[in-house]
Protein backbone atom coordinates (compact mmCIF):
# COMPACT_ATOMS: atom_id res chain seq x y z
CA MET A 1 23.32 -28.65 -13.74
CA ILE A 2 23.02 -25.35 -12.44
CA PRO A 3 25.83 -23.09 -13.25
CA GLU A 4 27.93 -21.62 -10.32
CA HIS A 5 26.80 -18.19 -10.79
CA SER A 6 22.88 -18.90 -10.99
CA ASP A 7 20.78 -18.45 -8.25
CA THR A 8 18.22 -21.44 -7.41
CA PRO A 9 14.53 -20.41 -7.25
CA SER A 10 14.83 -20.79 -3.38
CA GLN A 11 17.65 -18.28 -3.34
CA LYS A 12 15.99 -15.92 -5.89
CA LEU A 13 12.93 -16.10 -3.47
CA LEU A 14 15.43 -15.15 -0.63
CA LYS A 15 16.50 -12.33 -2.47
CA LEU A 16 13.35 -10.99 -3.25
CA GLU A 17 12.20 -11.28 0.20
CA LYS A 18 15.04 -9.49 1.66
CA ARG A 19 14.51 -6.67 -0.60
CA LEU A 20 10.89 -6.56 0.47
CA LEU A 21 11.74 -6.61 4.04
CA ARG A 22 14.19 -3.74 3.75
CA GLN A 23 11.56 -1.62 1.75
CA VAL A 24 8.96 -2.32 4.05
CA GLY A 25 11.46 -1.84 7.18
CA GLN A 26 12.40 1.41 5.74
CA ALA A 27 8.41 2.43 4.95
CA ILE A 28 7.86 1.96 8.48
CA ALA A 29 11.04 3.99 9.93
CA ASP A 30 10.59 6.58 7.74
CA PHE A 31 6.85 7.52 8.38
CA GLY A 32 6.84 6.06 12.05
CA MET A 33 4.22 3.57 11.35
CA ILE A 34 4.68 1.01 14.23
CA GLU A 35 5.96 1.78 17.91
CA GLU A 36 6.58 0.00 21.22
CA GLY A 37 3.26 -1.53 22.11
CA ASP A 38 1.34 -1.24 19.15
CA THR A 39 -1.45 -3.66 18.28
CA VAL A 40 -1.68 -3.63 14.61
CA LEU A 41 -4.84 -5.08 13.03
CA VAL A 42 -3.55 -6.57 9.27
CA CYS A 43 -6.54 -6.50 6.78
CA VAL A 44 -6.03 -9.84 4.64
CA SER A 45 -8.35 -10.15 1.78
CA GLY A 46 -6.77 -13.47 0.59
CA GLY A 47 -4.90 -11.36 -2.35
CA LYS A 48 -1.52 -11.52 -2.91
CA ASP A 49 -0.80 -8.10 -1.40
CA SER A 50 -2.46 -8.49 2.07
CA LEU A 51 -1.06 -11.98 2.36
CA GLY A 52 2.65 -10.47 1.44
CA LEU A 53 1.84 -7.70 3.89
CA LEU A 54 1.07 -10.20 6.75
CA ALA A 55 4.11 -12.54 6.08
CA LEU A 56 6.60 -9.47 6.01
CA LEU A 57 5.03 -8.28 9.22
CA GLN A 58 5.53 -11.38 10.96
CA LYS A 59 9.21 -11.73 9.68
CA LEU A 60 9.90 -8.01 11.07
CA GLN A 61 7.88 -8.63 14.36
CA ALA A 62 10.40 -11.66 15.10
CA ARG A 63 13.30 -9.06 14.61
CA ALA A 64 12.45 -5.87 15.16
CA PRO A 65 13.95 -3.82 18.37
CA VAL A 66 10.37 -2.92 19.34
CA ARG A 67 7.67 -5.18 20.48
CA PHE A 68 4.23 -5.16 18.99
CA ARG A 69 1.40 -7.30 18.38
CA LEU A 70 -0.20 -8.35 14.84
CA ILE A 71 -3.60 -9.93 14.32
CA ALA A 72 -5.01 -10.75 11.21
CA MET A 73 -8.26 -9.86 10.10
CA ASN A 74 -10.33 -11.39 7.39
CA LEU A 75 -13.82 -9.85 6.18
CA ASP A 76 -16.03 -12.74 4.81
CA GLN A 77 -18.44 -10.45 2.84
CA ARG A 78 -20.61 -13.45 1.87
CA GLN A 79 -19.93 -13.64 -1.61
CA PRO A 80 -20.92 -16.74 -3.35
CA GLY A 81 -18.48 -19.52 -3.58
CA PHE A 82 -16.14 -17.82 -1.04
CA PRO A 83 -13.84 -20.53 0.70
CA GLU A 84 -14.24 -19.79 4.20
CA ASP A 85 -11.85 -22.33 5.46
CA VAL A 86 -8.95 -21.40 3.34
CA LEU A 87 -7.87 -18.25 5.37
CA PRO A 88 -8.32 -19.47 8.99
CA ARG A 89 -6.27 -22.47 7.97
CA HIS A 90 -3.63 -20.07 6.51
CA PHE A 91 -3.41 -18.14 9.77
CA ALA A 92 -3.24 -21.25 11.95
CA GLN A 93 -0.65 -22.16 9.78
CA VAL A 94 1.72 -19.26 10.17
CA GLY A 95 0.96 -18.85 13.88
CA VAL A 96 -1.10 -15.39 13.96
CA GLU A 97 -3.77 -14.47 16.08
CA TYR A 98 -6.91 -13.74 13.78
CA ARG A 99 -10.18 -12.58 13.62
CA ILE A 100 -12.64 -13.32 11.01
CA VAL A 101 -15.38 -11.13 10.46
CA ARG A 102 -18.49 -12.31 8.49
CA GLU A 103 -20.99 -9.62 7.24
CA ASP A 104 -22.89 -9.95 4.06
CA THR A 105 -22.12 -6.94 2.82
CA TYR A 106 -21.98 -8.53 -0.86
CA SER A 107 -25.95 -8.29 -0.94
CA ILE A 108 -25.93 -4.70 -0.17
CA VAL A 109 -23.70 -3.68 -2.68
CA LYS A 110 -25.31 -5.76 -5.47
CA GLU A 111 -28.94 -4.19 -4.28
CA LYS A 112 -27.41 -0.43 -4.08
CA ILE A 113 -25.34 -0.54 -7.20
CA PRO A 114 -26.98 -1.08 -10.78
CA GLU A 115 -25.72 -3.94 -12.63
CA GLY A 116 -22.50 -2.83 -14.80
CA LYS A 117 -21.54 0.00 -12.44
CA THR A 118 -18.70 0.06 -10.28
CA THR A 119 -18.95 -1.30 -6.78
CA CYS A 120 -15.56 0.01 -5.36
CA SER A 121 -16.93 2.99 -3.52
CA LEU A 122 -19.52 1.61 -1.53
CA CYS A 123 -17.89 -1.50 -1.02
CA SER A 124 -15.00 0.05 0.38
CA ARG A 125 -17.03 2.42 3.01
CA LEU A 126 -18.77 -0.62 4.27
CA ARG A 127 -15.40 -2.49 4.58
CA ARG A 128 -13.98 0.64 6.21
CA GLY A 129 -16.55 0.92 9.03
CA LEU A 130 -16.36 -2.99 9.73
CA ILE A 131 -12.71 -2.98 10.16
CA TYR A 132 -12.49 0.36 12.31
CA ARG A 133 -15.29 -1.29 14.39
CA THR A 134 -12.85 -4.89 14.43
CA ALA A 135 -9.84 -2.87 15.69
CA ARG A 136 -11.45 -1.52 18.73
CA GLU A 137 -12.83 -4.52 19.57
CA VAL A 138 -9.59 -6.43 19.65
CA GLY A 139 -7.68 -3.34 21.12
CA ALA A 140 -5.90 -2.51 18.00
CA ASN A 141 -4.32 1.12 17.94
CA LYS A 142 -3.08 0.51 14.12
CA VAL A 143 -4.60 -0.81 10.81
CA ALA A 144 -2.36 -2.25 8.21
CA LEU A 145 -3.62 -2.14 4.71
CA GLY A 146 -1.76 -4.01 1.73
CA HIS A 147 -1.62 -1.11 -0.70
CA HIS A 148 1.64 -0.74 -2.58
CA ARG A 149 3.70 1.58 -4.40
CA ASP A 150 1.71 0.93 -7.95
CA ASP A 151 -1.50 1.59 -5.97
CA ILE A 152 0.16 5.06 -4.88
CA LEU A 153 1.13 6.24 -8.04
CA GLU A 154 -2.05 5.05 -9.90
CA THR A 155 -4.13 7.18 -7.30
CA PHE A 156 -1.80 10.26 -8.01
CA PHE A 157 -2.18 9.96 -11.45
CA LEU A 158 -6.20 9.38 -11.10
CA ASN A 159 -6.24 12.68 -9.11
CA LEU A 160 -3.90 14.51 -11.38
CA PHE A 161 -5.98 13.41 -14.45
CA PHE A 162 -9.65 13.08 -13.26
CA ALA A 163 -9.84 15.36 -10.38
CA GLY A 164 -7.59 18.30 -10.61
CA ARG A 165 -5.64 17.31 -7.51
CA LEU A 166 -2.10 16.48 -6.55
CA LYS A 167 -3.09 13.72 -4.26
CA ALA A 168 -2.11 10.16 -3.58
CA MET A 169 -2.47 7.40 -0.84
CA PRO A 170 -0.62 8.73 2.35
CA PRO A 171 1.48 5.96 3.89
CA LYS A 172 0.04 6.80 7.15
CA LEU A 173 -3.23 8.60 8.53
CA ARG A 174 -5.65 9.22 11.33
CA ASN A 175 -9.14 8.03 11.18
CA ASP A 176 -11.87 10.77 11.38
CA ASP A 177 -12.73 9.55 15.07
CA GLY A 178 -9.08 9.94 16.14
CA ASP A 179 -8.47 6.66 17.58
CA LEU A 180 -7.10 4.51 15.14
CA VAL A 181 -3.89 4.96 12.54
CA VAL A 182 -3.84 3.60 9.45
CA ILE A 183 -0.68 2.49 7.81
CA ARG A 184 0.50 1.17 4.42
CA PRO A 185 3.95 -0.61 5.32
CA LEU A 186 3.69 -2.02 1.46
CA ALA A 187 4.34 1.92 0.42
CA TYR A 188 7.85 1.44 -1.06
CA CYS A 189 7.43 -2.27 -2.75
CA ALA A 190 6.44 -2.69 -6.19
CA GLU A 191 3.41 -4.93 -7.22
CA GLU A 192 5.55 -7.01 -9.31
CA ASP A 193 7.50 -7.99 -6.64
CA LEU A 194 4.87 -8.83 -4.34
CA ALA A 195 3.13 -10.94 -6.96
CA ARG A 196 6.46 -12.80 -7.61
CA TYR A 197 6.58 -13.15 -3.61
CA ALA A 198 3.15 -14.45 -3.54
CA ARG A 199 3.68 -17.13 -6.34
CA GLY A 200 7.27 -18.10 -4.39
CA MET A 201 5.62 -18.63 -1.27
CA ASN A 202 2.53 -20.14 -2.72
CA PHE A 203 -0.24 -17.90 -0.89
CA PRO A 204 -3.57 -19.34 -0.95
CA ILE A 205 -4.97 -16.79 -3.08
CA ILE A 206 -8.55 -16.10 -3.28
CA PRO A 207 -9.84 -14.22 -5.92
CA CYS A 208 -12.55 -11.42 -5.21
CA SER A 209 -16.03 -12.55 -7.13
CA LEU A 210 -17.72 -9.09 -6.22
CA CYS A 211 -15.05 -6.56 -7.91
CA GLY A 212 -12.13 -8.75 -9.03
CA SER A 213 -12.85 -8.28 -12.55
CA GLN A 214 -14.28 -5.22 -12.54
CA GLU A 215 -11.45 -2.95 -12.25
CA ASN A 216 -12.20 0.78 -12.89
CA ALA A 217 -11.89 1.75 -16.18
CA GLN A 218 -9.82 5.17 -15.51
CA ARG A 219 -7.62 3.24 -12.98
CA ARG A 220 -7.22 0.39 -15.69
CA GLN A 221 -6.00 3.20 -18.14
CA VAL A 222 -3.48 4.85 -15.71
CA LYS A 223 -2.17 1.10 -14.70
CA ALA A 224 -1.86 0.66 -18.53
CA MET A 225 0.01 3.79 -19.06
CA LEU A 226 2.46 3.39 -16.05
CA ARG A 227 3.49 0.02 -17.13
CA ALA A 228 4.36 1.09 -20.61
CA TRP A 229 6.52 3.96 -19.01
CA GLU A 230 8.40 1.25 -17.00
CA ARG A 231 8.81 -0.61 -20.13
CA GLU A 232 10.33 2.29 -21.95
CA ASP A 233 12.56 3.38 -18.87
CA PRO A 234 12.02 1.74 -15.57
CA ARG A 235 14.00 4.73 -13.99
CA ARG A 236 10.90 6.78 -14.76
CA ILE A 237 8.58 5.03 -12.14
CA ALA A 238 11.30 5.48 -9.68
CA SER A 239 11.72 9.14 -10.05
CA ILE A 240 7.89 9.78 -9.93
CA PHE A 241 7.79 8.07 -6.78
CA THR A 242 10.48 9.69 -5.27
CA ALA A 243 8.97 13.39 -6.29
CA LEU A 244 5.85 12.24 -4.31
CA GLY A 245 8.22 13.06 -1.33
CA HIS A 246 10.16 16.22 -2.73
CA ALA A 247 7.07 18.42 -2.76
CA VAL A 248 8.47 22.26 -3.15
CA PRO A 249 5.38 24.24 -2.48
CA SER A 250 6.81 27.60 -3.35
CA HIS A 251 7.38 26.04 -7.08
CA LEU A 252 3.60 25.19 -7.34
CA LEU A 253 0.33 27.08 -7.53
CA ASP A 254 -1.18 26.24 -4.29
CA ARG A 255 -1.78 29.69 -2.14
CA ALA A 256 -2.82 27.54 0.91
CA LEU A 257 0.61 25.99 1.04
CA PHE A 258 2.80 29.03 0.15
CA ASP A 259 2.32 32.80 0.96
CA PHE A 260 3.00 34.10 -2.67
CA ALA A 261 0.78 37.58 -1.90
CA SER A 262 3.74 38.34 0.87
CA LEU A 263 6.60 38.04 -1.24
CA ALA A 264 8.15 41.18 -2.38
CA ALA A 265 11.75 42.40 -3.57
CA GLY A 266 14.16 42.44 -0.72
CA ALA A 267 12.65 39.65 0.87
CA LYS A 268 14.27 36.49 2.53
CA GLU A 269 12.85 34.06 -0.11
CA THR A 270 14.62 35.14 -3.21
CA GLU A 271 14.90 32.91 -6.21
CA ALA A 272 18.33 31.77 -5.44
CA ALA A 273 17.41 30.94 -1.59
CA LEU A 274 14.28 28.91 -3.07
CA ASP A 275 16.30 26.97 -5.77
CA GLU A 276 19.21 26.36 -3.29
CA ALA A 277 16.23 24.86 -0.94
CA VAL A 278 15.00 22.40 -3.80
CA GLY A 279 18.59 21.10 -4.46
CA ALA A 280 19.49 20.60 -1.02
CA ALA A 281 16.48 17.90 -0.57
CA PRO A 282 18.31 14.52 -0.42
CA VAL A 283 16.83 12.30 -3.27
CA ARG A 284 16.68 8.63 -2.70
CA PHE A 285 15.15 6.07 -5.00
CA PHE A 286 12.74 3.25 -3.90
CA GLY A 287 11.61 0.41 -6.25
CA THR A 288 14.80 1.11 -8.38
CA PRO A 289 14.92 -1.64 -10.88
CA THR A 290 17.16 -4.74 -10.77
CA ILE A 291 18.03 -7.35 -13.09
CA ARG A 292 15.63 -10.26 -13.24
CA THR A 293 17.50 -13.37 -13.46
């Protein structure tokens, strides 16, 4: 018998979905990701994150105050053993318009990249070109990707440790040609929550045989570091992520962002004024840990 204070599995899933929907809706609102009349191409690889993204966007579409169109896209890269019937069947079941693009990028990557080397860079460039081409063909003006909070944090630390840059994944960007906007509606969502949601929803997960087991060694190190930090103090990850939205150029060293050379005694930008500006920034924590039951 289930105690009255306990949630059933279905109730837990509903609570999790509600939190994810709130986080996705907040990200969309904060960064102006989706607007009236948009056509959004949702890239679905068959992994937990992109399948979760599609499901959450469909639910938001049904209740959103603005009208927008969703088109799911899967790029079949002709990987050996790829079950090409799984995603079309899933798209039909959930009632979303979709496009399947079949291009043998697998052979190109295997030919160009020596055995044992990371394939991600070339693979992502090839995928990006095909995604943009498809977006134009279907008349989409937005492209939605399934990167989440943890992807953004890992990218930040990879740039910090190995590239000497304060840089992460932007939640929204315009492509080089200027005709498409790329959005990441899962920017506030934790990977663990998305994994639990995928299990609860019983999504038809398709592993990537090209790079699914070949994760970049540096990213693997950063992921392990962040997981260790979260175990020690879950608030640390929330604080780091919040900091990405509260940059203070006057307290960094980038002369392109702040004109240090023009500062002089008696100038408007006094130490007290700068400190006041820092303290005035509203602080909101996304992905703050909750008790798992």
